[in-house]
Amino acid sequence: MNHWMEVVLRSVLILLGLFFITKLLGKKQLSKLSFFEYIVGITIGDIAGTISMDVDLQASHGVVAILVWA
């Protein structure tokens, strides 16, 4: 598979997964987040971005990391 196709596929799947995790965690406005929730959100986003762009990493390890942080 071409690298760009793999990046597109990973990005779409991770985006759908993040939407699902967001629904599970509940809706909150940014001003109502605790500091811990804010840092966790940034960390999950960073992990998701790294997984979607780095084709050398195994996506399954990144998904496990996102689920642990969620």
PDB file of N, CA and C in Angstrom:
ATOM      1  N   MET A   1       0.854  -1.176   0.000  1.00  0.00           N
ATOM      2  CA  MET A   1       0.000   0.000   0.000  1.00  0.00           C
ATOM      3  C   MET A   1       0.901   1.242   0.000  1.00  0.00           C
ATOM      4  N   ASN A   2       0.515   2.247  -0.751  1.00  0.00           N
ATOM      5  CA  ASN A   2       1.267   3.495  -0.773  1.00  0.00           C
ATOM      6  C   ASN A   2       1.233   4.145   0.604  1.00  0.00           C
ATOM      7  N   HIS A   3       2.300   4.874   0.912  1.00  0.00           N
ATOM      8  CA  HIS A   3       2.359   5.522   2.225  1.00  0.00           C
ATOM      9  C   HIS A   3       1.249   6.554   2.394  1.00  0.00           C
ATOM     10  N   TRP A   4       0.934   7.276   1.339  1.00  0.00           N
ATOM     11  CA  TRP A   4      -0.098   8.297   1.483  1.00  0.00           C
ATOM     12  C   TRP A   4      -1.471   7.683   1.696  1.00  0.00           C
ATOM     13  N   MET A   5      -1.706   6.517   1.092  1.00  0.00           N
ATOM     14  CA  MET A   5      -2.983   5.829   1.312  1.00  0.00           C
ATOM     15  C   MET A   5      -3.083   5.321   2.745  1.00  0.00           C
ATOM     16  N   GLU A   6      -1.969   4.831   3.272  1.00  0.00           N
ATOM     17  CA  GLU A   6      -1.963   4.356   4.651  1.00  0.00           C
ATOM     18  C   GLU A   6      -2.195   5.505   5.620  1.00  0.00           C
ATOM     19  N   VAL A   7      -1.592   6.662   5.344  1.00  0.00           N
ATOM     20  CA  VAL A   7      -1.801   7.835   6.203  1.00  0.00           C
ATOM     21  C   VAL A   7      -3.262   8.272   6.160  1.00  0.00           C
ATOM     22  N   VAL A   8      -3.867   8.280   4.991  1.00  0.00           N
ATOM     23  CA  VAL A   8      -5.281   8.661   4.861  1.00  0.00           C
ATOM     24  C   VAL A   8      -6.165   7.675   5.617  1.00  0.00           C
ATOM     25  N   LEU A   9      -5.920   6.391   5.438  1.00  0.00           N
ATOM     26  CA  LEU A   9      -6.728   5.375   6.113  1.00  0.00           C
ATOM     27  C   LEU A   9      -6.582   5.470   7.628  1.00  0.00           C
ATOM     28  N   ARG A  10      -5.342   5.596   8.096  1.00  0.00           N
ATOM     29  CA  ARG A  10      -5.122   5.722   9.546  1.00  0.00           C
ATOM     30  C   ARG A  10      -5.802   6.974  10.096  1.00  0.00           C
ATOM     31  N   SER A  11      -5.670   8.078   9.373  1.00  0.00           N
ATOM     32  CA  SER A  11      -6.246   9.339   9.849  1.00  0.00           C
ATOM     33  C   SER A  11      -7.760   9.258   9.969  1.00  0.00           C
ATOM     34  N   VAL A  12      -8.406   8.689   8.980  1.00  0.00           N
ATOM     35  CA  VAL A  12      -9.867   8.575   9.004  1.00  0.00           C
ATOM     36  C   VAL A  12     -10.317   7.659  10.138  1.00  0.00           C
ATOM     37  N   LEU A  13      -9.653   6.518  10.288  1.00  0.00           N
ATOM     38  CA  LEU A  13     -10.036   5.587  11.352  1.00  0.00           C
ATOM     39  C   LEU A  13      -9.790   6.178  12.740  1.00  0.00           C
ATOM     40  N   ILE A  14      -8.681   6.878  12.905  1.00  0.00           N
ATOM     41  CA  ILE A  14      -8.385   7.484  14.201  1.00  0.00           C
ATOM     42  C   ILE A  14      -9.363   8.617  14.495  1.00  0.00           C
ATOM     43  N   LEU A  15      -9.722   9.397  13.481  1.00  0.00           N
ATOM     44  CA  LEU A  15     -10.691  10.468  13.682  1.00  0.00           C
ATOM     45  C   LEU A  15     -12.039   9.906  14.136  1.00  0.00           C
ATOM     46  N   LEU A  16     -12.476   8.836  13.510  1.00  0.00           N
ATOM     47  CA  LEU A  16     -13.731   8.201  13.928  1.00  0.00           C
ATOM     48  C   LEU A  16     -13.623   7.671  15.355  1.00  0.00           C
ATOM     49  N   GLY A  17     -12.482   7.083  15.682  1.00  0.00           N
ATOM     50  CA  GLY A  17     -12.265   6.600  17.040  1.00  0.00           C
ATOM     51  C   GLY A  17     -12.268   7.723  18.062  1.00  0.00           C
ATOM     52  N   LEU A  18     -11.667   8.855  17.708  1.00  0.00           N
ATOM     53  CA  LEU A  18     -11.659  10.003  18.624  1.00  0.00           C
ATOM     54  C   LEU A  18     -13.063  10.567  18.833  1.00  0.00           C
ATOM     55  N   PHE A  19     -13.864  10.592  17.774  1.00  0.00           N
ATOM     56  CA  PHE A  19     -15.256  11.031  17.929  1.00  0.00           C
ATOM     57  C   PHE A  19     -16.007  10.108  18.894  1.00  0.00           C
ATOM     58  N   PHE A  20     -15.775   8.815  18.771  1.00  0.00           N
ATOM     59  CA  PHE A  20     -16.421   7.836  19.656  1.00  0.00           C
ATOM     60  C   PHE A  20     -15.968   8.037  21.104  1.00  0.00           C
ATOM     61  N   ILE A  21     -14.679   8.216  21.324  1.00  0.00           N
ATOM     62  CA  ILE A  21     -14.156   8.426  22.679  1.00  0.00           C
ATOM     63  C   ILE A  21     -14.704   9.723  23.260  1.00  0.00           C
ATOM     64  N   THR A  22     -14.824  10.754  22.429  1.00  0.00           N
ATOM     65  CA  THR A  22     -15.371  12.032  22.893  1.00  0.00           C
ATOM     66  C   THR A  22     -16.814  11.865  23.362  1.00  0.00           C
ATOM     67  N   LYS A  23     -17.590  11.075  22.628  1.00  0.00           N
ATOM     68  CA  LYS A  23     -18.975  10.814  23.041  1.00  0.00           C
ATOM     69  C   LYS A  23     -19.022  10.060  24.366  1.00  0.00           C
ATOM     70  N   LEU A  24     -18.103   9.111  24.541  1.00  0.00           N
ATOM     71  CA  LEU A  24     -18.064   8.351  25.791  1.00  0.00           C
ATOM     72  C   LEU A  24     -17.684   9.216  26.982  1.00  0.00           C
ATOM     73  N   LEU A  25     -16.746  10.129  26.775  1.00  0.00           N
ATOM     74  CA  LEU A  25     -16.270  10.965  27.877  1.00  0.00           C
ATOM     75  C   LEU A  25     -17.251  12.083  28.215  1.00  0.00           C
ATOM     76  N   GLY A  26     -18.154  12.390  27.324  1.00  0.00           N
ATOM     77  CA  GLY A  26     -19.158  13.411  27.591  1.00  0.00           C
ATOM     78  C   GLY A  26     -18.749  14.760  27.046  1.00  0.00           C
ATOM     79  N   LYS A  27     -19.753  15.584  26.821  1.00  0.00           N
ATOM     80  CA  LYS A  27     -19.504  16.916  26.280  1.00  0.00           C
ATOM     81  C   LYS A  27     -19.257  17.885  27.423  1.00  0.00           C
ATOM     82  N   LYS A  28     -18.206  18.663  27.290  1.00  0.00           N
ATOM     83  CA  LYS A  28     -17.921  19.732  28.242  1.00  0.00           C
ATOM     84  C   LYS A  28     -17.352  20.899  27.470  1.00  0.00           C
ATOM     85  N   GLN A  29     -17.664  22.083  27.952  1.00  0.00           N
ATOM     86  CA  GLN A  29     -17.044  23.254  27.360  1.00  0.00           C
ATOM     87  C   GLN A  29     -15.607  23.343  27.861  1.00  0.00           C
ATOM     88  N   LEU A  30     -14.781  23.991  27.085  1.00  0.00           N
ATOM     89  CA  LEU A  30     -13.371  24.097  27.434  1.00  0.00           C
ATOM     90  C   LEU A  30     -13.181  24.766  28.789  1.00  0.00           C
ATOM     91  N   SER A  31     -14.003  25.730  29.121  1.00  0.00           N
ATOM     92  CA  SER A  31     -13.859  26.437  30.392  1.00  0.00           C
ATOM     93  C   SER A  31     -14.247  25.569  31.587  1.00  0.00           C
ATOM     94  N   LYS A  32     -14.989  24.491  31.362  1.00  0.00           N
ATOM     95  CA  LYS A  32     -15.430  23.630  32.451  1.00  0.00           C
ATOM     96  C   LYS A  32     -14.526  22.417  32.662  1.00  0.00           C
ATOM     97  N   LEU A  33     -13.482  22.272  31.826  1.00  0.00           N
ATOM     98  CA  LEU A  33     -12.557  21.157  31.977  1.00  0.00           C
ATOM     99  C   LEU A  33     -11.607  21.408  33.146  1.00  0.00           C
ATOM    100  N   SER A  34     -11.286  20.346  33.850  1.00  0.00           N
ATOM    101  CA  SER A  34     -10.244  20.468  34.863  1.00  0.00           C
ATOM    102  C   SER A  34      -8.891  20.466  34.147  1.00  0.00           C
ATOM    103  N   PHE A  35      -7.851  20.826  34.870  1.00  0.00           N
ATOM    104  CA  PHE A  35      -6.516  20.847  34.279  1.00  0.00           C
ATOM    105  C   PHE A  35      -6.133  19.452  33.798  1.00  0.00           C
ATOM    106  N   PHE A  36      -6.472  18.431  34.583  1.00  0.00           N
ATOM    107  CA  PHE A  36      -6.147  17.047  34.217  1.00  0.00           C
ATOM    108  C   PHE A  36      -6.849  16.653  32.923  1.00  0.00           C
ATOM    109  N   GLU A  37      -8.133  16.971  32.795  1.00  0.00           N
ATOM    110  CA  GLU A  37      -8.887  16.631  31.591  1.00  0.00           C
ATOM    111  C   GLU A  37      -8.322  17.354  30.359  1.00  0.00           C
ATOM    112  N   TYR A  38      -7.885  18.576  30.563  1.00  0.00           N
ATOM    113  CA  TYR A  38      -7.297  19.351  29.476  1.00  0.00           C
ATOM    114  C   TYR A  38      -6.003  18.707  28.989  1.00  0.00           C
ATOM    115  N   ILE A  39      -5.124  18.318  29.919  1.00  0.00           N
ATOM    116  CA  ILE A  39      -3.855  17.686  29.567  1.00  0.00           C
ATOM    117  C   ILE A  39      -4.097  16.319  28.912  1.00  0.00           C
ATOM    118  N   VAL A  40      -5.058  15.554  29.412  1.00  0.00           N
ATOM    119  CA  VAL A  40      -5.378  14.256  28.820  1.00  0.00           C
ATOM    120  C   VAL A  40      -5.858  14.444  27.375  1.00  0.00           C
ATOM    121  N   GLY A  41      -6.676  15.443  27.135  1.00  0.00           N
ATOM    122  CA  GLY A  41      -7.153  15.716  25.780  1.00  0.00           C
ATOM    123  C   GLY A  41      -6.019  16.066  24.830  1.00  0.00           C
ATOM    124  N   ILE A  42      -5.085  16.876  25.293  1.00  0.00           N
ATOM    125  CA  ILE A  42      -3.939  17.231  24.470  1.00  0.00           C
ATOM    126  C   ILE A  42      -3.085  15.994  24.187  1.00  0.00           C
ATOM    127  N   THR A  43      -2.879  15.164  25.197  1.00  0.00           N
ATOM    128  CA  THR A  43      -2.063  13.960  25.033  1.00  0.00           C
ATOM    129  C   THR A  43      -2.713  12.984  24.058  1.00  0.00           C
ATOM    130  N   ILE A  44      -4.006  12.779  24.172  1.00  0.00           N
ATOM    131  CA  ILE A  44      -4.712  11.881  23.254  1.00  0.00           C
ATOM    132  C   ILE A  44      -4.609  12.412  21.819  1.00  0.00           C
ATOM    133  N   GLY A  45      -4.753  13.709  21.656  1.00  0.00           N
ATOM    134  CA  GLY A  45      -4.621  14.307  20.327  1.00  0.00           C
ATOM    135  C   GLY A  45      -3.223  14.142  19.753  1.00  0.00           C
ATOM    136  N   ASP A  46      -2.216  14.290  20.601  1.00  0.00           N
ATOM    137  CA  ASP A  46      -0.836  14.116  20.153  1.00  0.00           C
ATOM    138  C   ASP A  46      -0.568  12.671  19.737  1.00  0.00           C
ATOM    139  N   ILE A  47      -1.046  11.729  20.527  1.00  0.00           N
ATOM    140  CA  ILE A  47      -0.884  10.312  20.181  1.00  0.00           C
ATOM    141  C   ILE A  47      -1.585  10.012  18.857  1.00  0.00           C
ATOM    142  N   ALA A  48      -2.792  10.527  18.693  1.00  0.00           N
ATOM    143  CA  ALA A  48      -3.544  10.281  17.460  1.00  0.00           C
ATOM    144  C   ALA A  48      -2.822  10.861  16.251  1.00  0.00           C
ATOM    145  N   GLY A  49      -2.267  12.054  16.390  1.00  0.00           N
ATOM    146  CA  GLY A  49      -1.534  12.662  15.287  1.00  0.00           C
ATOM    147  C   GLY A  49      -0.278  11.886  14.935  1.00  0.00           C
ATOM    148  N   THR A  50       0.410  11.408  15.948  1.00  0.00           N
ATOM    149  CA  THR A  50       1.629  10.632  15.712  1.00  0.00           C
ATOM    150  C   THR A  50       1.309   9.315  15.023  1.00  0.00           C
ATOM    151  N   ILE A  51       0.251   8.655  15.458  1.00  0.00           N
ATOM    152  CA  ILE A  51      -0.136   7.375  14.846  1.00  0.00           C
ATOM    153  C   ILE A  51      -0.521   7.568  13.386  1.00  0.00           C
ATOM    154  N   SER A  52      -1.265   8.617  13.103  1.00  0.00           N
ATOM    155  CA  SER A  52      -1.755   8.792  11.737  1.00  0.00           C
ATOM    156  C   SER A  52      -0.659   9.200  10.765  1.00  0.00           C
ATOM    157  N   MET A  53       0.380   9.871  11.234  1.00  0.00           N
ATOM    158  CA  MET A  53       1.407  10.365  10.324  1.00  0.00           C
ATOM    159  C   MET A  53       2.643   9.481  10.219  1.00  0.00           C
ATOM    160  N   ASP A  54       2.962   8.711  11.242  1.00  0.00           N
ATOM    161  CA  ASP A  54       4.182   7.903  11.236  1.00  0.00           C
ATOM    162  C   ASP A  54       3.842   6.476  10.827  1.00  0.00           C
ATOM    163  N   VAL A  55       4.130   6.145   9.577  1.00  0.00           N
ATOM    164  CA  VAL A  55       3.763   4.823   9.064  1.00  0.00           C
ATOM    165  C   VAL A  55       4.670   3.723   9.598  1.00  0.00           C
ATOM    166  N   ASP A  56       5.780   4.089  10.239  1.00  0.00           N
ATOM    167  CA  ASP A  56       6.684   3.083  10.807  1.00  0.00           C
ATOM    168  C   ASP A  56       6.170   2.534  12.134  1.00  0.00           C
ATOM    169  N   LEU A  57       5.268   3.255  12.787  1.00  0.00           N
ATOM    170  CA  LEU A  57       4.705   2.797  14.057  1.00  0.00           C
ATOM    171  C   LEU A  57       3.535   1.852  13.802  1.00  0.00           C
ATOM    172  N   GLN A  58       3.367   0.899  14.718  1.00  0.00           N
ATOM    173  CA  GLN A  58       2.210   0.005  14.616  1.00  0.00           C
ATOM    174  C   GLN A  58       0.978   0.731  15.146  1.00  0.00           C
ATOM    175  N   ALA A  59      -0.062   0.760  14.349  1.00  0.00           N
ATOM    176  CA  ALA A  59      -1.282   1.468  14.731  1.00  0.00           C
ATOM    177  C   ALA A  59      -1.927   0.839  15.959  1.00  0.00           C
ATOM    178  N   SER A  60      -1.791  -0.475  16.120  1.00  0.00           N
ATOM    179  CA  SER A  60      -2.430  -1.140  17.258  1.00  0.00           C
ATOM    180  C   SER A  60      -1.834  -0.666  18.588  1.00  0.00           C
ATOM    181  N   HIS A  61      -0.545  -0.393  18.626  1.00  0.00           N
ATOM    182  CA  HIS A  61       0.065   0.114  19.861  1.00  0.00           C
ATOM    183  C   HIS A  61      -0.470   1.502  20.203  1.00  0.00           C
ATOM    184  N   GLY A  62      -0.657   2.322  19.182  1.00  0.00           N
ATOM    185  CA  GLY A  62      -1.195   3.655  19.398  1.00  0.00           C
ATOM    186  C   GLY A  62      -2.638   3.623  19.864  1.00  0.00           C
ATOM    187  N   VAL A  63      -3.417   2.712  19.316  1.00  0.00           N
ATOM    188  CA  VAL A  63      -4.824   2.596  19.720  1.00  0.00           C
ATOM    189  C   VAL A  63      -4.899   2.165  21.181  1.00  0.00           C
ATOM    190  N   VAL A  64      -4.041   1.260  21.584  1.00  0.00           N
ATOM    191  CA  VAL A  64      -3.997   0.830  22.995  1.00  0.00           C
ATOM    192  C   VAL A  64      -3.641   2.021  23.885  1.00  0.00           C
ATOM    193  N   ALA A  65      -2.678   2.829  23.458  1.00  0.00           N
ATOM    194  CA  ALA A  65      -2.289   3.996  24.241  1.00  0.00           C
ATOM    195  C   ALA A  65      -3.440   4.995  24.373  1.00  0.00           C
ATOM    196  N   ILE A  66      -4.161   5.223  23.287  1.00  0.00           N
ATOM    197  CA  ILE A  66      -5.299   6.137  23.336  1.00  0.00           C
ATOM    198  C   ILE A  66      -6.370   5.604  24.284  1.00  0.00           C
ATOM    199  N   LEU A  67      -6.638   4.314  24.218  1.00  0.00           N
ATOM    200  CA  LEU A  67      -7.648   3.740  25.111  1.00  0.00           C
ATOM    201  C   LEU A  67      -7.228   3.815  26.577  1.00  0.00           C
ATOM    202  N   VAL A  68      -5.944   3.635  26.851  1.00  0.00           N
ATOM    203  CA  VAL A  68      -5.466   3.761  28.227  1.00  0.00           C
ATOM    204  C   VAL A  68      -5.652   5.187  28.722  1.00  0.00           C
ATOM    205  N   TRP A  69      -5.310   6.184  27.901  1.00  0.00           N
ATOM    206  CA  TRP A  69      -5.466   7.573  28.313  1.00  0.00           C
ATOM    207  C   TRP A  69      -6.940   7.961  28.441  1.00  0.00           C
ATOM    208  N   ALA A  70      -7.798   7.364  27.620  1.00  0.00           N
ATOM    209  CA  ALA A  70      -9.224   7.695  27.684  1.00  0.00           C
ATOM    210  C   ALA A  70      -9.837   7.087  28.928  1.00  0.00           C
TER     211      ALA A  70
END
